[in-house]
Amino acid sequence: MAGPSSSSSTKIPPFMFKNLQIVGNEMEFPESELTFLSEKIVDFESLSANGFNVKQYFISQGWDKYFDMLNGPIYPDL
């Protein structure tokens, strides 16, 4: 087995960094463009029927109880 090499073939060429810009995690847009959708559930069955079987990923990470709560009753007048 060969030892580690000091020159790696996976290095990114310097010219790739020429046009990079560092930006924050925030987006700026008018608040008037936001729409609040009450009682909008996450419909895993519909997603699955359309070829996006993602429920298993959320369950494996322990998110199932969160989605049960999120998809539960909503009381917008409280």
Protein backbone atom coordinates (compact mmCIF):
# COMPACT_ATOMS: atom_id res chain seq x y z
CA MET A 1 0.00 0.00 0.00
CA ALA A 2 1.43 3.35 -1.01
CA GLY A 3 1.88 6.10 1.55
CA PRO A 4 -0.05 9.36 1.48
CA SER A 5 0.98 11.77 -1.23
CA SER A 6 1.66 15.43 -0.55
CA SER A 7 0.14 16.45 -3.89
CA SER A 8 -3.46 15.41 -4.29
CA SER A 9 -5.17 15.18 -7.68
CA THR A 10 -8.46 16.34 -6.10
CA LYS A 11 -7.29 19.88 -5.34
CA ILE A 12 -9.47 22.66 -6.73
CA PRO A 13 -7.61 24.87 -9.22
CA PRO A 14 -7.00 28.45 -7.97
CA PHE A 15 -8.94 30.01 -10.88
CA MET A 16 -12.13 28.40 -9.52
CA PHE A 17 -11.97 30.71 -6.49
CA LYS A 18 -11.63 33.89 -8.55
CA ASN A 19 -15.35 34.72 -8.71
CA LEU A 20 -16.53 33.36 -5.36
CA GLN A 21 -18.49 35.67 -3.09
CA ILE A 22 -19.18 35.02 0.56
CA VAL A 23 -22.79 35.77 1.44
CA GLY A 24 -24.85 35.43 4.59
CA ASN A 25 -27.64 33.01 5.42
CA GLU A 26 -30.35 35.63 4.98
CA MET A 27 -32.50 36.68 2.08
CA GLU A 28 -33.92 40.15 1.70
CA PHE A 29 -37.38 40.53 0.19
CA PRO A 30 -40.47 42.60 0.94
CA GLU A 31 -42.63 41.33 3.78
CA SER A 32 -45.65 41.78 1.51
CA GLU A 33 -44.45 38.79 -0.53
CA LEU A 34 -44.92 36.44 2.45
CA THR A 35 -48.10 34.41 2.67
CA PHE A 36 -49.14 32.59 5.83
CA LEU A 37 -50.81 29.27 5.06
CA SER A 38 -52.65 28.03 8.12
CA GLU A 39 -53.69 24.40 8.19
CA LYS A 40 -51.23 23.50 5.44
CA ILE A 41 -50.13 19.99 6.35
CA VAL A 42 -47.13 18.02 5.19
CA ASP A 43 -48.82 15.31 3.13
CA PHE A 44 -46.35 12.43 2.95
CA GLU A 45 -48.87 10.21 1.15
CA SER A 46 -49.24 12.75 -1.66
CA LEU A 47 -45.48 13.15 -1.90
CA SER A 48 -45.06 9.38 -2.08
CA ALA A 49 -47.76 9.07 -4.77
CA ASN A 50 -45.78 11.59 -6.83
CA GLY A 51 -42.51 9.69 -6.53
CA PHE A 52 -41.04 11.48 -3.50
CA ASN A 53 -40.92 8.81 -0.80
CA VAL A 54 -39.24 10.91 1.90
CA LYS A 55 -41.23 9.99 5.02
CA GLN A 56 -38.74 7.25 5.95
CA TYR A 57 -35.93 9.82 6.21
CA PHE A 58 -37.85 11.97 8.68
CA ILE A 59 -38.95 8.98 10.77
CA SER A 60 -35.37 7.66 10.99
CA GLN A 61 -34.28 11.03 12.40
CA GLY A 62 -37.08 11.10 14.98
CA TRP A 63 -39.21 13.78 13.32
CA ASP A 64 -42.43 11.72 13.18
CA LYS A 65 -43.86 13.15 16.44
CA TYR A 66 -43.10 16.69 15.23
CA PHE A 67 -45.03 16.11 12.01
CA ASP A 68 -47.90 14.53 13.95
CA MET A 69 -48.08 17.74 15.99
CA LEU A 70 -47.62 19.97 12.95
CA ASN A 71 -50.34 18.16 11.02
CA GLY A 72 -52.67 18.22 14.03
CA PRO A 73 -55.45 20.74 14.68
CA ILE A 74 -54.73 24.43 14.17
CA TYR A 75 -56.55 27.19 16.02
CA PRO A 76 -55.81 30.47 14.18
CA ASP A 77 -58.28 32.48 16.29
CA LEU A 78 -56.55 31.89 19.64
